[in-house]
Amino acid sequence: MAKLKEFEWVLVEAIDTFRMRYMVQVPKGKDLYALDTVTMHQAKEFSQLHLDEIIVSHRVISEKDALKLADEDNEYGRSWSEDKKISAFFTKDGEKVDWD
């Protein structure tokens, strides 16, 4: 008789890094004004380059706690069934997501 696989959920936390560029017109000699424009999110994006995703932590988490965290992080899905949340937010063993 074949033994059934046992599974657990692992929460992986990562930081995704991009190099952003903005082209901002300012009065001559007032180049620092451009920094304020970007800081205030008032500049159009010129370009971006994905640099890397860095894993900063991981831990085993119960499905119950993972579903609770899904509600905290994804407020719009709070009313969804547990099965829909798992389908939308969790990656099952063998499942692959193609981001390209």
PDB file of N, CA and C in Angstrom:
ATOM      1  N   MET A   1       0.841  -1.188   0.000  1.00  0.00           N
ATOM      2  CA  MET A   1       0.000   0.000   0.000  1.00  0.00           C
ATOM      3  C   MET A   1       0.884   1.249   0.000  1.00  0.00           C
ATOM      4  N   ALA A   2       0.636   2.169  -0.905  1.00  0.00           N
ATOM      5  CA  ALA A   2       1.444   3.390  -1.032  1.00  0.00           C
ATOM      6  C   ALA A   2       1.145   4.350   0.113  1.00  0.00           C
ATOM      7  N   LYS A   3       2.204   4.926   0.638  1.00  0.00           N
ATOM      8  CA  LYS A   3       2.057   5.903   1.718  1.00  0.00           C
ATOM      9  C   LYS A   3       1.678   7.252   1.126  1.00  0.00           C
ATOM     10  N   LEU A   4       0.673   7.899   1.695  1.00  0.00           N
ATOM     11  CA  LEU A   4       0.260   9.224   1.245  1.00  0.00           C
ATOM     12  C   LEU A   4       1.287  10.265   1.680  1.00  0.00           C
ATOM     13  N   LYS A   5       1.535  11.239   0.806  1.00  0.00           N
ATOM     14  CA  LYS A   5       2.439  12.338   1.149  1.00  0.00           C
ATOM     15  C   LYS A   5       1.779  13.223   2.195  1.00  0.00           C
ATOM     16  N   GLU A   6       2.583  13.705   3.109  1.00  0.00           N
ATOM     17  CA  GLU A   6       2.115  14.702   4.068  1.00  0.00           C
ATOM     18  C   GLU A   6       2.679  16.049   3.632  1.00  0.00           C
ATOM     19  N   PHE A   7       1.870  17.091   3.779  1.00  0.00           N
ATOM     20  CA  PHE A   7       2.288  18.423   3.359  1.00  0.00           C
ATOM     21  C   PHE A   7       2.133  19.419   4.496  1.00  0.00           C
ATOM     22  N   GLU A   8       2.847  20.531   4.384  1.00  0.00           N
ATOM     23  CA  GLU A   8       2.680  21.657   5.298  1.00  0.00           C
ATOM     24  C   GLU A   8       2.851  22.934   4.488  1.00  0.00           C
ATOM     25  N   TRP A   9       2.322  24.026   5.002  1.00  0.00           N
ATOM     26  CA  TRP A   9       2.449  25.327   4.347  1.00  0.00           C
ATOM     27  C   TRP A   9       3.652  26.052   4.922  1.00  0.00           C
ATOM     28  N   VAL A  10       4.412  26.709   4.066  1.00  0.00           N
ATOM     29  CA  VAL A  10       5.569  27.507   4.477  1.00  0.00           C
ATOM     30  C   VAL A  10       5.351  28.930   3.968  1.00  0.00           C
ATOM     31  N   LEU A  11       5.375  29.875   4.905  1.00  0.00           N
ATOM     32  CA  LEU A  11       5.274  31.294   4.551  1.00  0.00           C
ATOM     33  C   LEU A  11       6.681  31.795   4.242  1.00  0.00           C
ATOM     34  N   VAL A  12       6.890  32.284   3.023  1.00  0.00           N
ATOM     35  CA  VAL A  12       8.178  32.839   2.605  1.00  0.00           C
ATOM     36  C   VAL A  12       7.981  34.338   2.408  1.00  0.00           C
ATOM     37  N   GLU A  13       8.802  35.130   3.080  1.00  0.00           N
ATOM     38  CA  GLU A  13       8.728  36.588   2.951  1.00  0.00           C
ATOM     39  C   GLU A  13       9.947  37.071   2.168  1.00  0.00           C
ATOM     40  N   ALA A  14       9.685  37.955   1.201  1.00  0.00           N
ATOM     41  CA  ALA A  14      10.755  38.426   0.325  1.00  0.00           C
ATOM     42  C   ALA A  14      10.589  39.917   0.055  1.00  0.00           C
ATOM     43  N   ILE A  15      11.670  40.532  -0.360  1.00  0.00           N
ATOM     44  CA  ILE A  15      11.674  41.922  -0.785  1.00  0.00           C
ATOM     45  C   ILE A  15      12.005  41.925  -2.271  1.00  0.00           C
ATOM     46  N   ASP A  16      11.176  42.592  -3.064  1.00  0.00           N
ATOM     47  CA  ASP A  16      11.384  42.694  -4.500  1.00  0.00           C
ATOM     48  C   ASP A  16      11.944  44.081  -4.784  1.00  0.00           C
ATOM     49  N   THR A  17      13.061  44.148  -5.493  1.00  0.00           N
ATOM     50  CA  THR A  17      13.754  45.407  -5.703  1.00  0.00           C
ATOM     51  C   THR A  17      13.734  45.822  -7.173  1.00  0.00           C
ATOM     52  N   PHE A  18      13.401  47.085  -7.394  1.00  0.00           N
ATOM     53  CA  PHE A  18      13.403  47.665  -8.729  1.00  0.00           C
ATOM     54  C   PHE A  18      14.245  48.941  -8.718  1.00  0.00           C
ATOM     55  N   ARG A  19      14.925  49.209  -9.835  1.00  0.00           N
ATOM     56  CA  ARG A  19      15.567  50.501 -10.038  1.00  0.00           C
ATOM     57  C   ARG A  19      14.561  51.324 -10.839  1.00  0.00           C
ATOM     58  N   MET A  20      14.130  52.432 -10.288  1.00  0.00           N
ATOM     59  CA  MET A  20      13.147  53.293 -10.942  1.00  0.00           C
ATOM     60  C   MET A  20      13.854  54.533 -11.470  1.00  0.00           C
ATOM     61  N   ARG A  21      13.390  55.019 -12.626  1.00  0.00           N
ATOM     62  CA  ARG A  21      13.902  56.280 -13.165  1.00  0.00           C
ATOM     63  C   ARG A  21      12.734  57.217 -13.434  1.00  0.00           C
ATOM     64  N   TYR A  22      12.993  58.510 -13.183  1.00  0.00           N
ATOM     65  CA  TYR A  22      12.021  59.574 -13.439  1.00  0.00           C
ATOM     66  C   TYR A  22      12.761  60.711 -14.131  1.00  0.00           C
ATOM     67  N   MET A  23      12.103  61.355 -15.062  1.00  0.00           N
ATOM     68  CA  MET A  23      12.686  62.512 -15.748  1.00  0.00           C
ATOM     69  C   MET A  23      11.824  63.712 -15.356  1.00  0.00           C
ATOM     70  N   VAL A  24      12.406  64.611 -14.548  1.00  0.00           N
ATOM     71  CA  VAL A  24      11.631  65.701 -13.948  1.00  0.00           C
ATOM     72  C   VAL A  24      12.229  67.047 -14.366  1.00  0.00           C
ATOM     73  N   GLN A  25      11.393  67.907 -14.906  1.00  0.00           N
ATOM     74  CA  GLN A  25      11.829  69.263 -15.292  1.00  0.00           C
ATOM     75  C   GLN A  25      11.704  70.177 -14.080  1.00  0.00           C
ATOM     76  N   VAL A  26      12.784  70.949 -13.818  1.00  0.00           N
ATOM     77  CA  VAL A  26      12.800  71.894 -12.692  1.00  0.00           C
ATOM     78  C   VAL A  26      13.455  73.193 -13.142  1.00  0.00           C
ATOM     79  N   PRO A  27      13.236  74.284 -12.394  1.00  0.00           N
ATOM     80  CA  PRO A  27      13.931  75.536 -12.725  1.00  0.00           C
ATOM     81  C   PRO A  27      15.454  75.331 -12.642  1.00  0.00           C
ATOM     82  N   LYS A  28      16.182  76.010 -13.526  1.00  0.00           N
ATOM     83  CA  LYS A  28      17.641  75.890 -13.563  1.00  0.00           C
ATOM     84  C   LYS A  28      18.234  76.182 -12.184  1.00  0.00           C
ATOM     85  N   GLY A  29      19.142  75.315 -11.751  1.00  0.00           N
ATOM     86  CA  GLY A  29      19.798  75.468 -10.463  1.00  0.00           C
ATOM     87  C   GLY A  29      18.994  74.908  -9.289  1.00  0.00           C
ATOM     88  N   LYS A  30      17.833  74.330  -9.548  1.00  0.00           N
ATOM     89  CA  LYS A  30      16.970  73.800  -8.477  1.00  0.00           C
ATOM     90  C   LYS A  30      16.797  72.285  -8.639  1.00  0.00           C
ATOM     91  N   ASP A  31      17.903  71.581  -8.916  1.00  0.00           N
ATOM     92  CA  ASP A  31      17.825  70.149  -9.183  1.00  0.00           C
ATOM     93  C   ASP A  31      17.224  69.346  -8.028  1.00  0.00           C
ATOM     94  N   LEU A  32      17.380  69.835  -6.797  1.00  0.00           N
ATOM     95  CA  LEU A  32      16.828  69.112  -5.649  1.00  0.00           C
ATOM     96  C   LEU A  32      15.293  69.111  -5.639  1.00  0.00           C
ATOM     97  N   TYR A  33      14.681  70.027  -6.372  1.00  0.00           N
ATOM     98  CA  TYR A  33      13.217  70.033  -6.484  1.00  0.00           C
ATOM     99  C   TYR A  33      12.717  68.702  -7.077  1.00  0.00           C
ATOM    100  N   ALA A  34      13.526  68.127  -7.958  1.00  0.00           N
ATOM    101  CA  ALA A  34      13.129  66.865  -8.589  1.00  0.00           C
ATOM    102  C   ALA A  34      12.976  65.761  -7.545  1.00  0.00           C
ATOM    103  N   LEU A  35      13.813  65.779  -6.512  1.00  0.00           N
ATOM    104  CA  LEU A  35      13.719  64.771  -5.458  1.00  0.00           C
ATOM    105  C   LEU A  35      12.399  64.884  -4.711  1.00  0.00           C
ATOM    106  N   ASP A  36      11.978  66.120  -4.450  1.00  0.00           N
ATOM    107  CA  ASP A  36      10.685  66.335  -3.795  1.00  0.00           C
ATOM    108  C   ASP A  36       9.539  65.824  -4.663  1.00  0.00           C
ATOM    109  N   THR A  37       9.620  66.089  -5.954  1.00  0.00           N
ATOM    110  CA  THR A  37       8.570  65.652  -6.873  1.00  0.00           C
ATOM    111  C   THR A  37       8.431  64.129  -6.840  1.00  0.00           C
ATOM    112  N   VAL A  38       9.544  63.435  -6.853  1.00  0.00           N
ATOM    113  CA  VAL A  38       9.519  61.967  -6.810  1.00  0.00           C
ATOM    114  C   VAL A  38       9.041  61.480  -5.447  1.00  0.00           C
ATOM    115  N   THR A  39       9.549  62.075  -4.376  1.00  0.00           N
ATOM    116  CA  THR A  39       9.150  61.671  -3.027  1.00  0.00           C
ATOM    117  C   THR A  39       7.652  61.821  -2.813  1.00  0.00           C
ATOM    118  N   MET A  40       7.065  62.839  -3.395  1.00  0.00           N
ATOM    119  CA  MET A  40       5.631  63.103  -3.241  1.00  0.00           C
ATOM    120  C   MET A  40       4.792  62.300  -4.256  1.00  0.00           C
ATOM    121  N   HIS A  41       5.451  61.392  -4.994  1.00  0.00           N
ATOM    122  CA  HIS A  41       4.765  60.537  -5.981  1.00  0.00           C
ATOM    123  C   HIS A  41       4.022  61.362  -7.026  1.00  0.00           C
ATOM    124  N   GLN A  42       4.670  62.448  -7.467  1.00  0.00           N
ATOM    125  CA  GLN A  42       4.065  63.345  -8.449  1.00  0.00           C
ATOM    126  C   GLN A  42       4.790  63.297  -9.793  1.00  0.00           C
ATOM    127  N   ALA A  43       5.700  62.327  -9.952  1.00  0.00           N
ATOM    128  CA  ALA A  43       6.458  62.221 -11.196  1.00  0.00           C
ATOM    129  C   ALA A  43       5.988  61.009 -11.996  1.00  0.00           C
ATOM    130  N   LYS A  44       6.015  61.146 -13.307  1.00  0.00           N
ATOM    131  CA  LYS A  44       5.714  60.016 -14.176  1.00  0.00           C
ATOM    132  C   LYS A  44       6.902  59.051 -14.165  1.00  0.00           C
ATOM    133  N   GLU A  45       6.594  57.771 -14.237  1.00  0.00           N
ATOM    134  CA  GLU A  45       7.660  56.779 -14.322  1.00  0.00           C
ATOM    135  C   GLU A  45       8.312  56.868 -15.694  1.00  0.00           C
ATOM    136  N   PHE A  46       9.630  56.964 -15.734  1.00  0.00           N
ATOM    137  CA  PHE A  46      10.397  57.005 -16.980  1.00  0.00           C
ATOM    138  C   PHE A  46      10.736  55.586 -17.421  1.00  0.00           C
ATOM    139  N   SER A  47      11.236  54.781 -16.468  1.00  0.00           N
ATOM    140  CA  SER A  47      11.541  53.380 -16.740  1.00  0.00           C
ATOM    141  C   SER A  47      11.784  52.653 -15.414  1.00  0.00           C
ATOM    142  N   GLN A  48      11.808  51.337 -15.510  1.00  0.00           N
ATOM    143  CA  GLN A  48      12.135  50.538 -14.338  1.00  0.00           C
ATOM    144  C   GLN A  48      12.903  49.299 -14.770  1.00  0.00           C
ATOM    145  N   LEU A  49      13.707  48.787 -13.850  1.00  0.00           N
ATOM    146  CA  LEU A  49      14.485  47.582 -14.092  1.00  0.00           C
ATOM    147  C   LEU A  49      14.363  46.707 -12.856  1.00  0.00           C
ATOM    148  N   HIS A  50      13.900  45.478 -13.044  1.00  0.00           N
ATOM    149  CA  HIS A  50      13.804  44.549 -11.916  1.00  0.00           C
ATOM    150  C   HIS A  50      15.209  44.087 -11.561  1.00  0.00           C
ATOM    151  N   LEU A  51      15.616  44.295 -10.314  1.00  0.00           N
ATOM    152  CA  LEU A  51      16.961  43.936  -9.892  1.00  0.00           C
ATOM    153  C   LEU A  51      17.012  42.540  -9.288  1.00  0.00           C
ATOM    154  N   ASP A  52      16.108  42.262  -8.348  1.00  0.00           N
ATOM    155  CA  ASP A  52      16.152  40.947  -7.716  1.00  0.00           C
ATOM    156  C   ASP A  52      15.049  40.825  -6.678  1.00  0.00           C
ATOM    157  N   GLU A  53      14.757  39.601  -6.327  1.00  0.00           N
ATOM    158  CA  GLU A  53      13.875  39.311  -5.203  1.00  0.00           C
ATOM    159  C   GLU A  53      14.728  38.596  -4.165  1.00  0.00           C
ATOM    160  N   ILE A  54      14.714  39.108  -2.952  1.00  0.00           N
ATOM    161  CA  ILE A  54      15.569  38.582  -1.895  1.00  0.00           C
ATOM    162  C   ILE A  54      14.687  37.984  -0.808  1.00  0.00           C
ATOM    163  N   ILE A  55      14.882  36.704  -0.523  1.00  0.00           N
ATOM    164  CA  ILE A  55      14.129  36.053   0.551  1.00  0.00           C
ATOM    165  C   ILE A  55      14.728  36.496   1.883  1.00  0.00           C
ATOM    166  N   VAL A  56      13.863  36.982   2.773  1.00  0.00           N
ATOM    167  CA  VAL A  56      14.336  37.476   4.070  1.00  0.00           C
ATOM    168  C   VAL A  56      13.945  36.562   5.231  1.00  0.00           C
ATOM    169  N   SER A  57      12.914  35.732   5.049  1.00  0.00           N
ATOM    170  CA  SER A  57      12.544  34.800   6.119  1.00  0.00           C
ATOM    171  C   SER A  57      11.592  33.734   5.589  1.00  0.00           C
ATOM    172  N   HIS A  58      11.466  32.665   6.369  1.00  0.00           N
ATOM    173  CA  HIS A  58      10.465  31.638   6.085  1.00  0.00           C
ATOM    174  C   HIS A  58      10.120  30.922   7.385  1.00  0.00           C
ATOM    175  N   ARG A  59       8.898  30.387   7.422  1.00  0.00           N
ATOM    176  CA  ARG A  59       8.484  29.608   8.595  1.00  0.00           C
ATOM    177  C   ARG A  59       7.294  28.744   8.222  1.00  0.00           C
ATOM    178  N   VAL A  60       7.188  27.609   8.881  1.00  0.00           N
ATOM    179  CA  VAL A  60       6.034  26.733   8.710  1.00  0.00           C
ATOM    180  C   VAL A  60       4.858  27.391   9.422  1.00  0.00           C
ATOM    181  N   ILE A  61       3.687  27.354   8.773  1.00  0.00           N
ATOM    182  CA  ILE A  61       2.504  28.008   9.325  1.00  0.00           C
ATOM    183  C   ILE A  61       1.310  27.071   9.106  1.00  0.00           C
ATOM    184  N   SER A  62       0.414  27.030  10.072  1.00  0.00           N
ATOM    185  CA  SER A  62      -0.770  26.185   9.927  1.00  0.00           C
ATOM    186  C   SER A  62      -1.685  26.751   8.848  1.00  0.00           C
ATOM    187  N   GLU A  63      -2.506  25.894   8.271  1.00  0.00           N
ATOM    188  CA  GLU A  63      -3.440  26.368   7.252  1.00  0.00           C
ATOM    189  C   GLU A  63      -4.399  27.393   7.846  1.00  0.00           C
ATOM    190  N   LYS A  64      -4.826  27.166   9.084  1.00  0.00           N
ATOM    191  CA  LYS A  64      -5.732  28.106   9.758  1.00  0.00           C
ATOM    192  C   LYS A  64      -5.083  29.482   9.867  1.00  0.00           C
ATOM    193  N   ASP A  65      -3.828  29.525  10.313  1.00  0.00           N
ATOM    194  CA  ASP A  65      -3.120  30.801  10.443  1.00  0.00           C
ATOM    195  C   ASP A  65      -2.830  31.426   9.076  1.00  0.00           C
ATOM    196  N   ALA A  66      -2.566  30.580   8.084  1.00  0.00           N
ATOM    197  CA  ALA A  66      -2.321  31.091   6.732  1.00  0.00           C
ATOM    198  C   ALA A  66      -3.584  31.737   6.165  1.00  0.00           C
ATOM    199  N   LEU A  67      -4.731  31.131   6.406  1.00  0.00           N
ATOM    200  CA  LEU A  67      -5.987  31.712   5.931  1.00  0.00           C
ATOM    201  C   LEU A  67      -6.286  33.028   6.652  1.00  0.00           C
ATOM    202  N   LYS A  68      -5.967  33.088   7.937  1.00  0.00           N
ATOM    203  CA  LYS A  68      -6.149  34.336   8.694  1.00  0.00           C
ATOM    204  C   LYS A  68      -5.241  35.430   8.123  1.00  0.00           C
ATOM    205  N   LEU A  69      -4.007  35.074   7.812  1.00  0.00           N
ATOM    206  CA  LEU A  69      -3.066  36.031   7.225  1.00  0.00           C
ATOM    207  C   LEU A  69      -3.530  36.471   5.833  1.00  0.00           C
ATOM    208  N   ALA A  70      -4.112  35.541   5.076  1.00  0.00           N
ATOM    209  CA  ALA A  70      -4.650  35.893   3.763  1.00  0.00           C
ATOM    210  C   ALA A  70      -5.720  36.970   3.892  1.00  0.00           C
ATOM    211  N   ASP A  71      -6.564  36.862   4.920  1.00  0.00           N
ATOM    212  CA  ASP A  71      -7.595  37.874   5.157  1.00  0.00           C
ATOM    213  C   ASP A  71      -6.988  39.220   5.530  1.00  0.00           C
ATOM    214  N   GLU A  72      -5.917  39.205   6.324  1.00  0.00           N
ATOM    215  CA  GLU A  72      -5.261  40.445   6.733  1.00  0.00           C
ATOM    216  C   GLU A  72      -4.571  41.132   5.540  1.00  0.00           C
ATOM    217  N   ASP A  73      -3.908  40.337   4.707  1.00  0.00           N
ATOM    218  CA  ASP A  73      -3.123  40.887   3.600  1.00  0.00           C
ATOM    219  C   ASP A  73      -3.952  41.175   2.352  1.00  0.00           C
ATOM    220  N   ASN A  74      -5.077  40.505   2.207  1.00  0.00           N
ATOM    221  CA  ASN A  74      -5.907  40.622   1.000  1.00  0.00           C
ATOM    222  C   ASN A  74      -7.343  40.911   1.401  1.00  0.00           C
ATOM    223  N   GLU A  75      -7.557  42.090   1.919  1.00  0.00           N
ATOM    224  CA  GLU A  75      -8.854  42.495   2.460  1.00  0.00           C
ATOM    225  C   GLU A  75     -10.006  42.230   1.490  1.00  0.00           C
ATOM    226  N   TYR A  76      -9.761  42.435   0.208  1.00  0.00           N
ATOM    227  CA  TYR A  76     -10.818  42.266  -0.792  1.00  0.00           C
ATOM    228  C   TYR A  76     -11.341  40.829  -0.878  1.00  0.00           C
ATOM    229  N   GLY A  77     -10.579  39.849  -0.372  1.00  0.00           N
ATOM    230  CA  GLY A  77     -10.993  38.454  -0.478  1.00  0.00           C
ATOM    231  C   GLY A  77     -11.537  37.863   0.805  1.00  0.00           C
ATOM    232  N   ARG A  78     -11.766  38.703   1.799  1.00  0.00           N
ATOM    233  CA  ARG A  78     -12.225  38.197   3.094  1.00  0.00           C
ATOM    234  C   ARG A  78     -13.502  37.372   3.011  1.00  0.00           C
ATOM    235  N   SER A  79     -14.411  37.723   2.128  1.00  0.00           N
ATOM    236  CA  SER A  79     -15.693  37.028   2.048  1.00  0.00           C
ATOM    237  C   SER A  79     -15.603  35.736   1.220  1.00  0.00           C
ATOM    238  N   TRP A  80     -14.465  35.471   0.611  1.00  0.00           N
ATOM    239  CA  TRP A  80     -14.300  34.283  -0.219  1.00  0.00           C
ATOM    240  C   TRP A  80     -14.292  33.021   0.639  1.00  0.00           C
ATOM    241  N   SER A  81     -14.609  31.886   0.027  1.00  0.00           N
ATOM    242  CA  SER A  81     -14.515  30.596   0.712  1.00  0.00           C
ATOM    243  C   SER A  81     -13.046  30.249   0.938  1.00  0.00           C
ATOM    244  N   GLU A  82     -12.786  29.350   1.869  1.00  0.00           N
ATOM    245  CA  GLU A  82     -11.411  28.922   2.119  1.00  0.00           C
ATOM    246  C   GLU A  82     -10.803  28.304   0.857  1.00  0.00           C
ATOM    247  N   ASP A  83     -11.574  27.509   0.129  1.00  0.00           N
ATOM    248  CA  ASP A  83     -11.071  26.889  -1.099  1.00  0.00           C
ATOM    249  C   ASP A  83     -10.671  27.935  -2.139  1.00  0.00           C
ATOM    250  N   LYS A  84     -11.457  28.991  -2.278  1.00  0.00           N
ATOM    251  CA  LYS A  84     -11.132  30.044  -3.247  1.00  0.00           C
ATOM    252  C   LYS A  84      -9.870  30.787  -2.826  1.00  0.00           C
ATOM    253  N   LYS A  85      -9.718  31.053  -1.510  1.00  0.00           N
ATOM    254  CA  LYS A  85      -8.507  31.728  -1.026  1.00  0.00           C
ATOM    255  C   LYS A  85      -7.277  30.873  -1.303  1.00  0.00           C
ATOM    256  N   ILE A  86      -7.387  29.578  -1.036  1.00  0.00           N
ATOM    257  CA  ILE A  86      -6.249  28.684  -1.272  1.00  0.00           C
ATOM    258  C   ILE A  86      -5.915  28.647  -2.763  1.00  0.00           C
ATOM    259  N   SER A  87      -6.921  28.593  -3.596  1.00  0.00           N
ATOM    260  CA  SER A  87      -6.709  28.569  -5.042  1.00  0.00           C
ATOM    261  C   SER A  87      -6.052  29.867  -5.531  1.00  0.00           C
ATOM    262  N   ALA A  88      -6.463  30.996  -4.970  1.00  0.00           N
ATOM    263  CA  ALA A  88      -5.971  32.298  -5.431  1.00  0.00           C
ATOM    264  C   ALA A  88      -4.607  32.679  -4.863  1.00  0.00           C
ATOM    265  N   PHE A  89      -4.354  32.347  -3.602  1.00  0.00           N
ATOM    266  CA  PHE A  89      -3.179  32.892  -2.910  1.00  0.00           C
ATOM    267  C   PHE A  89      -2.107  31.867  -2.528  1.00  0.00           C
ATOM    268  N   PHE A  90      -2.431  30.588  -2.503  1.00  0.00           N
ATOM    269  CA  PHE A  90      -1.506  29.561  -2.042  1.00  0.00           C
ATOM    270  C   PHE A  90      -0.946  28.804  -3.255  1.00  0.00           C
ATOM    271  N   THR A  91       0.308  28.363  -3.167  1.00  0.00           N
ATOM    272  CA  THR A  91       0.925  27.571  -4.218  1.00  0.00           C
ATOM    273  C   THR A  91       1.043  26.133  -3.725  1.00  0.00           C
ATOM    274  N   LYS A  92       0.304  25.239  -4.349  1.00  0.00           N
ATOM    275  CA  LYS A  92       0.298  23.831  -3.946  1.00  0.00           C
ATOM    276  C   LYS A  92       1.515  23.102  -4.503  1.00  0.00           C
ATOM    277  N   ASP A  93       1.865  22.000  -3.864  1.00  0.00           N
ATOM    278  CA  ASP A  93       2.984  21.168  -4.284  1.00  0.00           C
ATOM    279  C   ASP A  93       2.840  20.813  -5.758  1.00  0.00           C
ATOM    280  N   GLY A  94       3.888  21.065  -6.534  1.00  0.00           N
ATOM    281  CA  GLY A  94       3.877  20.753  -7.948  1.00  0.00           C
ATOM    282  C   GLY A  94       3.298  21.834  -8.837  1.00  0.00           C
ATOM    283  N   GLU A  95       2.609  22.810  -8.262  1.00  0.00           N
ATOM    284  CA  GLU A  95       2.024  23.895  -9.040  1.00  0.00           C
ATOM    285  C   GLU A  95       3.113  24.893  -9.413  1.00  0.00           C
ATOM    286  N   LYS A  96       3.100  25.364 -10.635  1.00  0.00           N
ATOM    287  CA  LYS A  96       4.083  26.343 -11.098  1.00  0.00           C
ATOM    288  C   LYS A  96       3.364  27.588 -11.591  1.00  0.00           C
ATOM    289  N   VAL A  97       3.924  28.741 -11.281  1.00  0.00           N
ATOM    290  CA  VAL A  97       3.381  30.012 -11.753  1.00  0.00           C
ATOM    291  C   VAL A  97       4.414  30.617 -12.690  1.00  0.00           C
ATOM    292  N   ASP A  98       3.992  30.944 -13.911  1.00  0.00           N
ATOM    293  CA  ASP A  98       4.887  31.547 -14.894  1.00  0.00           C
ATOM    294  C   ASP A  98       4.676  33.041 -14.907  1.00  0.00           C
ATOM    295  N   TRP A  99       5.636  33.814 -14.418  1.00  0.00           N
ATOM    296  CA  TRP A  99       5.518  35.273 -14.310  1.00  0.00           C
ATOM    297  C   TRP A  99       5.917  35.984 -15.592  1.00  0.00           C
ATOM    298  N   ASP A 100       6.535  35.263 -16.511  1.00  0.00           N
ATOM    299  CA  ASP A 100       7.016  35.924 -17.732  1.00  0.00           C
ATOM    300  C   ASP A 100       5.930  36.044 -18.755  1.00  0.00           C
TER     301      ASP A 100
END
